[in-house]
């Protein structure tokens, strides 16, 4: 197996668009996707706010806990 390195972008439809076309035609390939680490908390918070999968969290019925519930966690054994 030969490795070819290229870069690209994943568009809104989830399709990989390569920066430079490859000289390969009519061949099956394996693709390894390397994504930069996301360490920016704001990026995660924005994703959660805009992802419709989390819309149920806006429902008042889901807001059943207060800061007085539970007990503090400790790292003691």
Protein backbone atom coordinates (compact mmCIF):
# COMPACT_ATOMS: atom_id res chain seq x y z
CA UNK A 1 0.00 0.00 0.00
CA UNK A 2 1.29 3.44 -0.95
CA UNK A 3 0.49 6.56 1.09
CA UNK A 4 -0.37 9.84 -0.62
CA UNK A 5 -0.69 12.95 1.50
CA UNK A 6 -3.14 15.65 0.51
CA UNK A 7 -5.21 18.25 2.30
CA UNK A 8 -8.75 19.36 1.85
CA UNK A 9 -11.95 20.57 3.41
CA UNK A 10 -15.12 18.82 4.47
CA UNK A 11 -18.05 20.84 3.14
CA UNK A 12 -21.49 21.33 4.74
CA UNK A 13 -22.78 18.14 3.12
CA UNK A 14 -19.95 16.13 4.71
CA UNK A 15 -18.11 15.63 1.42
CA UNK A 16 -14.33 15.75 1.34
CA UNK A 17 -13.01 18.27 -1.19
CA UNK A 18 -9.28 17.91 -1.85
CA UNK A 19 -7.16 21.03 -2.25
CA UNK A 20 -5.36 19.50 -5.23
CA UNK A 21 -6.82 16.72 -7.41
CA UNK A 22 -5.10 13.34 -7.40
CA UNK A 23 -3.79 11.54 -10.46
CA UNK A 24 -5.83 8.46 -9.50
CA UNK A 25 -8.79 7.32 -11.55
CA UNK A 26 -11.23 4.42 -11.06
CA UNK A 27 -9.44 2.98 -8.02
CA UNK A 28 -10.67 2.12 -4.57
CA UNK A 29 -8.80 3.93 -1.81
CA UNK A 30 -8.70 4.02 2.00
CA UNK A 31 -8.96 7.48 3.50
CA UNK A 32 -7.50 8.50 6.86
CA UNK A 33 -8.90 11.78 8.15
CA UNK A 34 -6.76 13.78 10.59
CA UNK A 35 -8.60 16.63 12.27
CA UNK A 36 -6.87 19.29 14.39
CA UNK A 37 -7.55 19.07 18.12
CA UNK A 38 -10.22 21.48 19.27
CA UNK A 39 -9.06 22.96 22.54
CA UNK A 40 -11.06 26.16 22.26
CA UNK A 41 -13.96 25.90 24.73
CA UNK A 42 -15.87 28.59 22.86
CA UNK A 43 -15.92 26.42 19.71
CA UNK A 44 -17.51 23.55 21.68
CA UNK A 45 -20.04 25.85 23.35
CA UNK A 46 -21.01 27.33 19.99
CA UNK A 47 -21.46 23.85 18.52
CA UNK A 48 -23.71 22.83 21.40
CA UNK A 49 -25.77 26.04 21.14
CA UNK A 50 -26.31 25.67 17.39
CA UNK A 51 -26.78 21.88 17.15
CA UNK A 52 -30.51 21.03 17.09
CA UNK A 53 -29.76 17.74 18.86
CA UNK A 54 -29.45 19.71 22.10
CA UNK A 55 -32.73 21.66 21.74
CA UNK A 56 -34.36 19.49 24.41
CA UNK A 57 -32.11 21.17 27.00
CA UNK A 58 -34.07 24.39 26.49
CA UNK A 59 -37.23 22.69 27.78
CA UNK A 60 -38.03 23.84 31.33
CA UNK A 61 -39.11 20.29 32.18
CA UNK A 62 -35.46 19.24 31.84
CA UNK A 63 -34.34 21.80 34.44
CA UNK A 64 -34.90 19.60 37.50
CA UNK A 65 -31.69 20.16 39.49
CA UNK A 66 -30.40 23.10 41.50
CA UNK A 67 -26.95 23.99 42.82
CA UNK A 68 -28.06 22.61 46.22
CA UNK A 69 -28.62 19.08 44.85
CA UNK A 70 -26.01 16.35 45.23
CA UNK A 71 -22.71 16.49 47.05
CA UNK A 72 -19.23 17.65 46.06
CA UNK A 73 -16.95 15.14 44.35
CA UNK A 74 -13.60 14.38 45.90
CA UNK A 75 -10.64 12.52 44.51
CA UNK A 76 -10.06 10.63 47.74
CA UNK A 77 -10.16 6.82 47.94
